[in-house]
C-alpha atoms as a PDB file:
ATOM      1  CA  UNK A   1    -136.071 -47.402 -49.610  1.00  0.00           C
ATOM      2  CA  UNK A   2    -133.483 -45.191 -48.115  1.00  0.00           C
ATOM      3  CA  UNK A   3    -131.436 -46.064 -45.375  1.00  0.00           C
ATOM      4  CA  UNK A   4    -131.741 -44.016 -42.441  1.00  0.00           C
ATOM      5  CA  UNK A   5    -128.875 -45.081 -40.281  1.00  0.00           C
ATOM      6  CA  UNK A   6    -125.860 -42.635 -42.171  1.00  0.00           C
ATOM      7  CA  UNK A   7    -125.476 -39.575 -40.131  1.00  0.00           C
ATOM      8  CA  UNK A   8    -126.420 -36.294 -42.094  1.00  0.00           C
ATOM      9  CA  UNK A   9    -123.672 -33.980 -43.603  1.00  0.00           C
ATOM     10  CA  UNK A  10    -125.158 -30.917 -41.678  1.00  0.00           C
ATOM     11  CA  UNK A  11    -124.613 -33.168 -38.256  1.00  0.00           C
ATOM     12  CA  UNK A  12    -121.363 -34.442 -39.605  1.00  0.00           C
ATOM     13  CA  UNK A  13    -119.594 -31.148 -40.060  1.00  0.00           C
ATOM     14  CA  UNK A  14    -121.085 -29.469 -36.749  1.00  0.00           C
ATOM     15  CA  UNK A  15    -119.531 -33.122 -35.039  1.00  0.00           C
ATOM     16  CA  UNK A  16    -115.840 -32.426 -36.874  1.00  0.00           C
ATOM     17  CA  UNK A  17    -116.216 -28.469 -35.699  1.00  0.00           C
ATOM     18  CA  UNK A  18    -116.662 -29.448 -32.379  1.00  0.00           C
ATOM     19  CA  UNK A  19    -114.213 -31.933 -32.249  1.00  0.00           C
ATOM     20  CA  UNK A  20    -111.627 -30.070 -33.676  1.00  0.00           C
ATOM     21  CA  UNK A  21    -112.210 -26.246 -31.167  1.00  0.00           C
ATOM     22  CA  UNK A  22    -112.176 -28.717 -28.403  1.00  0.00           C
ATOM     23  CA  UNK A  23    -108.387 -30.391 -29.328  1.00  0.00           C
ATOM     24  CA  UNK A  24    -107.938 -26.468 -30.230  1.00  0.00           C
ATOM     25  CA  UNK A  25    -108.640 -25.592 -26.805  1.00  0.00           C
ATOM     26  CA  UNK A  26    -106.854 -28.425 -25.298  1.00  0.00           C
ATOM     27  CA  UNK A  27    -103.844 -27.851 -26.973  1.00  0.00           C
ATOM     28  CA  UNK A  28    -104.306 -23.841 -26.007  1.00  0.00           C
ATOM     29  CA  UNK A  29    -104.595 -24.422 -21.898  1.00  0.00           C
ATOM     30  CA  UNK A  30    -101.385 -26.729 -22.198  1.00  0.00           C
ATOM     31  CA  UNK A  31     -99.294 -24.609 -24.126  1.00  0.00           C
ATOM     32  CA  UNK A  32    -100.259 -21.328 -21.791  1.00  0.00           C
ATOM     33  CA  UNK A  33     -98.991 -23.825 -18.895  1.00  0.00           C
ATOM     34  CA  UNK A  34     -95.875 -24.229 -20.322  1.00  0.00           C
ATOM     35  CA  UNK A  35     -95.450 -20.413 -21.317  1.00  0.00           C
ATOM     36  CA  UNK A  36     -96.553 -19.532 -17.564  1.00  0.00           C
ATOM     37  CA  UNK A  37     -93.949 -21.872 -16.144  1.00  0.00           C
ATOM     38  CA  UNK A  38     -91.200 -20.548 -17.980  1.00  0.00           C
ATOM     39  CA  UNK A  39     -91.964 -17.103 -18.084  1.00  0.00           C
ATOM     40  CA  UNK A  40     -91.484 -17.929 -13.879  1.00  0.00           C
ATOM     41  CA  UNK A  41     -88.464 -19.617 -14.218  1.00  0.00           C
ATOM     42  CA  UNK A  42     -86.902 -17.071 -16.102  1.00  0.00           C
ATOM     43  CA  UNK A  43     -88.231 -14.050 -13.686  1.00  0.00           C
ATOM     44  CA  UNK A  44     -86.932 -16.394 -11.164  1.00  0.00           C
ATOM     45  CA  UNK A  45     -83.243 -16.535 -12.762  1.00  0.00           C
ATOM     46  CA  UNK A  46     -82.709 -12.844 -13.442  1.00  0.00           C
ATOM     47  CA  UNK A  47     -83.797 -12.266  -9.483  1.00  0.00           C
ATOM     48  CA  UNK A  48     -80.833 -13.945  -8.853  1.00  0.00           C
ATOM     49  CA  UNK A  49     -78.735 -12.716 -11.608  1.00  0.00           C
ATOM     50  CA  UNK A  50     -79.381  -8.974  -9.499  1.00  0.00           C
ATOM     51  CA  UNK A  51     -78.165 -10.958  -6.394  1.00  0.00           C
ATOM     52  CA  UNK A  52     -74.704 -11.798  -8.141  1.00  0.00           C
ATOM     53  CA  UNK A  53     -74.538  -8.472 -10.187  1.00  0.00           C
ATOM     54  CA  UNK A  54     -76.212  -5.991  -7.907  1.00  0.00           C
ATOM     55  CA  UNK A  55     -75.597  -6.875  -4.202  1.00  0.00           C
ATOM     56  CA  UNK A  56     -72.469  -6.562  -2.469  1.00  0.00           C
ATOM     57  CA  UNK A  57     -71.752  -6.224   1.103  1.00  0.00           C
ATOM     58  CA  UNK A  58     -68.342  -5.725   3.036  1.00  0.00           C
ATOM     59  CA  UNK A  59     -67.238  -6.208   6.421  1.00  0.00           C
ATOM     60  CA  UNK A  60     -65.668  -3.123   8.438  1.00  0.00           C
ATOM     61  CA  UNK A  61     -62.714  -3.483   9.801  1.00  0.00           C
ATOM     62  CA  UNK A  62     -60.530  -1.220  12.223  1.00  0.00           C
ATOM     63  CA  UNK A  63     -56.849  -2.044  12.223  1.00  0.00           C
ATOM     64  CA  UNK A  64     -57.115  -5.063  10.119  1.00  0.00           C
ATOM     65  CA  UNK A  65     -59.576  -6.094  12.552  1.00  0.00           C
ATOM     66  CA  UNK A  66     -63.646  -6.905  11.416  1.00  0.00           C
ATOM     67  CA  UNK A  67     -65.707  -5.225  13.706  1.00  0.00           C
ATOM     68  CA  UNK A  68     -67.731  -8.641  14.514  1.00  0.00           C
ATOM     69  CA  UNK A  69     -67.663 -10.489  17.614  1.00  0.00           C
ATOM     70  CA  UNK A  70     -70.155 -13.446  19.110  1.00  0.00           C
ATOM     71  CA  UNK A  71     -71.750 -14.331  22.360  1.00  0.00           C
ATOM     72  CA  UNK A  72     -73.012 -17.783  22.975  1.00  0.00           C
ATOM     73  CA  UNK A  73     -74.327 -17.945  26.955  1.00  0.00           C
ATOM     74  CA  UNK A  74     -75.831 -21.166  26.773  1.00  0.00           C
ATOM     75  CA  UNK A  75     -77.837 -23.993  24.556  1.00  0.00           C
ATOM     76  CA  UNK A  76     -80.864 -21.505  24.063  1.00  0.00           C
ATOM     77  CA  UNK A  77     -79.316 -18.029  23.636  1.00  0.00           C
ATOM     78  CA  UNK A  78     -76.395 -16.710  21.288  1.00  0.00           C
ATOM     79  CA  UNK A  79     -76.024 -13.669  18.901  1.00  0.00           C
ATOM     80  CA  UNK A  80     -73.645 -12.691  16.231  1.00  0.00           C
ATOM     81  CA  UNK A  81     -72.958  -9.036  15.894  1.00  0.00           C
ATOM     82  CA  UNK A  82     -71.228  -7.624  12.832  1.00  0.00           C
ATOM     83  CA  UNK A  83     -70.679  -4.333  10.914  1.00  0.00           C
ATOM     84  CA  UNK A  84     -71.402  -4.347   7.852  1.00  0.00           C
ATOM     85  CA  UNK A  85     -71.839  -1.707   4.697  1.00  0.00           C
ATOM     86  CA  UNK A  86     -73.975  -2.245   1.219  1.00  0.00           C
ATOM     87  CA  UNK A  87     -71.815  -1.455  -1.366  1.00  0.00           C
ATOM     88  CA  UNK A  88     -73.690  -2.931  -3.967  1.00  0.00           C
ATOM     89  CA  UNK A  89     -76.327  -0.795  -6.407  1.00  0.00           C
ATOM     90  CA  UNK A  90     -79.428  -2.819  -5.036  1.00  0.00           C
ATOM     91  CA  UNK A  91     -80.905  -2.541  -1.548  1.00  0.00           C
ATOM     92  CA  UNK A  92     -80.870  -5.309   1.085  1.00  0.00           C
ATOM     93  CA  UNK A  93     -84.324  -6.352   2.523  1.00  0.00           C
ATOM     94  CA  UNK A  94     -83.243  -8.704   5.182  1.00  0.00           C
ATOM     95  CA  UNK A  95     -81.014 -11.487   5.694  1.00  0.00           C
ATOM     96  CA  UNK A  96     -80.848 -15.087   5.989  1.00  0.00           C
ATOM     97  CA  UNK A  97     -78.985 -16.311   9.041  1.00  0.00           C
ATOM     98  CA  UNK A  98     -77.908 -19.996   9.550  1.00  0.00           C
ATOM     99  CA  UNK A  99     -75.782 -20.855  12.721  1.00  0.00           C
ATOM    100  CA  UNK A 100     -74.067 -24.782  12.619  1.00  0.00           C
ATOM    101  CA  UNK A 101     -73.090 -25.481  16.459  1.00  0.00           C
ATOM    102  CA  UNK A 102     -72.186 -29.187  18.358  1.00  0.00           C
ATOM    103  CA  UNK A 103     -75.866 -30.253  18.563  1.00  0.00           C
ATOM    104  CA  UNK A 104     -78.005 -28.515  15.649  1.00  0.00           C
ATOM    105  CA  UNK A 105     -78.483 -25.630  13.479  1.00  0.00           C
ATOM    106  CA  UNK A 106     -80.957 -22.528  13.855  1.00  0.00           C
ATOM    107  CA  UNK A 107     -81.872 -20.665  10.348  1.00  0.00           C
ATOM    108  CA  UNK A 108     -83.731 -17.607  10.887  1.00  0.00           C
ATOM    109  CA  UNK A 109     -84.769 -15.023   8.847  1.00  0.00           C
ATOM    110  CA  UNK A 110     -84.758 -10.839  10.111  1.00  0.00           C
ATOM    111  CA  UNK A 111     -86.108  -7.981   8.391  1.00  0.00           C
ATOM    112  CA  UNK A 112     -83.539  -5.585   8.791  1.00  0.00           C
ATOM    113  CA  UNK A 113     -82.556  -3.667   5.815  1.00  0.00           C
ATOM    114  CA  UNK A 114     -79.332  -1.961   4.554  1.00  0.00           C
ATOM    115  CA  UNK A 115     -79.717   0.360   1.685  1.00  0.00           C
ATOM    116  CA  UNK A 116     -77.361   0.850  -0.409  1.00  0.00           C
ATOM    117  CA  UNK A 117     -74.525   2.982   0.583  1.00  0.00           C
ATOM    118  CA  UNK A 118     -75.052   2.601   4.121  1.00  0.00           C
ATOM    119  CA  UNK A 119     -73.466   1.443   7.275  1.00  0.00           C
ATOM    120  CA  UNK A 120     -74.908  -0.503   9.920  1.00  0.00           C
ATOM    121  CA  UNK A 121     -74.692  -2.729  13.000  1.00  0.00           C
ATOM    122  CA  UNK A 122     -76.471  -6.069  12.755  1.00  0.00           C
ATOM    123  CA  UNK A 123     -77.036  -8.322  16.101  1.00  0.00           C
ATOM    124  CA  UNK A 124     -78.739 -11.834  15.007  1.00  0.00           C
ATOM    125  CA  UNK A 125     -79.916 -14.182  17.720  1.00  0.00           C
ATOM    126  CA  UNK A 126     -79.622 -17.377  17.805  1.00  0.00           C
ATOM    127  CA  UNK A 127     -80.630 -21.060  19.807  1.00  0.00           C
ATOM    128  CA  UNK A 128     -80.439 -24.480  19.688  1.00  0.00           C
ATOM    129  CA  UNK A 129     -76.890 -24.833  18.577  1.00  0.00           C
ATOM    130  CA  UNK A 130     -75.071 -26.413  21.757  1.00  0.00           C
ATOM    131  CA  UNK A 131     -74.743 -27.298  24.833  1.00  0.00           C
ATOM    132  CA  UNK A 132     -73.725 -25.147  27.345  1.00  0.00           C
ATOM    133  CA  UNK A 133     -70.880 -22.367  26.246  1.00  0.00           C
ATOM    134  CA  UNK A 134     -72.181 -24.455  22.880  1.00  0.00           C
ATOM    135  CA  UNK A 135     -69.479 -24.418  19.921  1.00  0.00           C
ATOM    136  CA  UNK A 136     -70.819 -22.708  17.273  1.00  0.00           C
ATOM    137  CA  UNK A 137     -69.085 -24.216  13.816  1.00  0.00           C
ATOM    138  CA  UNK A 138     -70.352 -22.440  11.005  1.00  0.00           C
ATOM    139  CA  UNK A 139     -72.087 -19.025  10.363  1.00  0.00           C
ATOM    140  CA  UNK A 140     -73.385 -18.232   7.130  1.00  0.00           C
ATOM    141  CA  UNK A 141     -75.378 -14.755   6.745  1.00  0.00           C
ATOM    142  CA  UNK A 142     -77.078 -14.383   2.967  1.00  0.00           C
ATOM    143  CA  UNK A 143     -79.265 -10.736   1.836  1.00  0.00           C
ATOM    144  CA  UNK A 144     -82.307 -10.974   0.674  1.00  0.00           C
ATOM    145  CA  UNK A 145     -83.720  -8.593  -1.840  1.00  0.00           C
ATOM    146  CA  UNK A 146     -87.120  -7.987  -2.840  1.00  0.00           C
ATOM    147  CA  UNK A 147     -88.086  -8.553  -6.407  1.00  0.00           C
ATOM    148  CA  UNK A 148     -92.012 -10.227  -7.447  1.00  0.00           C
ATOM    149  CA  UNK A 149     -91.016 -11.798  -3.726  1.00  0.00           C
ATOM    150  CA  UNK A 150     -88.806 -11.393  -1.582  1.00  0.00           C
ATOM    151  CA  UNK A 151     -85.202 -13.275  -3.024  1.00  0.00           C
ATOM    152  CA  UNK A 152     -82.867 -14.928  -0.868  1.00  0.00           C
ATOM    153  CA  UNK A 153     -79.371 -14.479  -2.225  1.00  0.00           C
ATOM    154  CA  UNK A 154     -76.928 -17.577  -2.552  1.00  0.00           C
ATOM    155  CA  UNK A 155     -74.293 -14.523  -3.491  1.00  0.00           C
ATOM    156  CA  UNK A 156     -72.763 -12.577  -2.338  1.00  0.00           C
ATOM    157  CA  UNK A 157     -73.089 -14.570   0.845  1.00  0.00           C
ATOM    158  CA  UNK A 158     -70.892 -14.527   4.196  1.00  0.00           C
ATOM    159  CA  UNK A 159     -70.006 -17.807   5.569  1.00  0.00           C
ATOM    160  CA  UNK A 160     -67.646 -18.063   8.795  1.00  0.00           C
ATOM    161  CA  UNK A 161     -66.031 -21.637   9.101  1.00  0.00           C
ATOM    162  CA  UNK A 162     -65.250 -23.170  12.480  1.00  0.00           C
ATOM    163  CA  UNK A 163     -61.863 -21.094  12.359  1.00  0.00           C
ATOM    164  CA  UNK A 164     -62.862 -17.793  11.833  1.00  0.00           C
ATOM    165  CA  UNK A 165     -65.761 -18.414  14.435  1.00  0.00           C
ATOM    166  CA  UNK A 166     -63.006 -18.850  16.844  1.00  0.00           C
ATOM    167  CA  UNK A 167     -61.436 -15.435  15.835  1.00  0.00           C
ATOM    168  CA  UNK A 168     -64.456 -13.586  17.147  1.00  0.00           C
ATOM    169  CA  UNK A 169     -64.396 -11.251  19.950  1.00  0.00           C
ATOM    170  CA  UNK A 170     -66.818 -12.325  22.816  1.00  0.00           C
ATOM    171  CA  UNK A 171     -69.690  -9.449  22.641  1.00  0.00           C
ATOM    172  CA  UNK A 172     -69.807  -9.142  26.252  1.00  0.00           C
ATOM    173  CA  UNK A 173     -66.208  -7.833  26.233  1.00  0.00           C
ATOM    174  CA  UNK A 174     -66.011  -5.490  23.186  1.00  0.00           C
ATOM    175  CA  UNK A 175     -65.911  -2.218  23.712  1.00  0.00           C
ATOM    176  CA  UNK A 176     -66.171  -0.519  20.244  1.00  0.00           C
ATOM    177  CA  UNK A 177     -66.754   2.934  19.955  1.00  0.00           C
ATOM    178  CA  UNK A 178     -70.038   3.968  18.855  1.00  0.00           C
ATOM    179  CA  UNK A 179     -68.357   6.469  15.926  1.00  0.00           C
ATOM    180  CA  UNK A 180     -68.699   3.450  12.996  1.00  0.00           C
ATOM    181  CA  UNK A 181     -69.101   6.084  10.308  1.00  0.00           C
ATOM    182  CA  UNK A 182     -65.185   6.822  10.311  1.00  0.00           C
ATOM    183  CA  UNK A 183     -64.334   3.009  10.270  1.00  0.00           C
ATOM    184  CA  UNK A 184     -65.034   2.512   6.541  1.00  0.00           C
END
């Protein structure tokens, strides 16, 4: 008599092939995920490298005084205005502006661009940083560039501490001329 509990060689072969293909497919899915993750990481690092190499902003000075001013009217409204020139090789497509004050912080993104080699006046509004005539203690302005996504550059970054902010002119009192092209 023949034992009928055994698996036939044909079915055993088919099962082995199916198991092998399933394991191979699972390994491929895991490897594709890892490769995709690493590719995105490399692209982000490349974009940040562009910030450090291709992006540069200079503040404009006249008679050794920076063209920048600050106006804080109350706890809800303020603005910082400055003249800048893009001296890098990459167009700037926006700005991340953070202002810290007595009672809080405000961080806002602006989509005002500054193309390579051009000069511009920028006025950044902020609010909620302090009480009436609130003291601004820190201002950070970071350029943004267009890549696969918008990248906020950590270098170069314009940072002004409380001591520097205290030297800013009051925007309501400045009488700068409009001929900024001659001030670079």
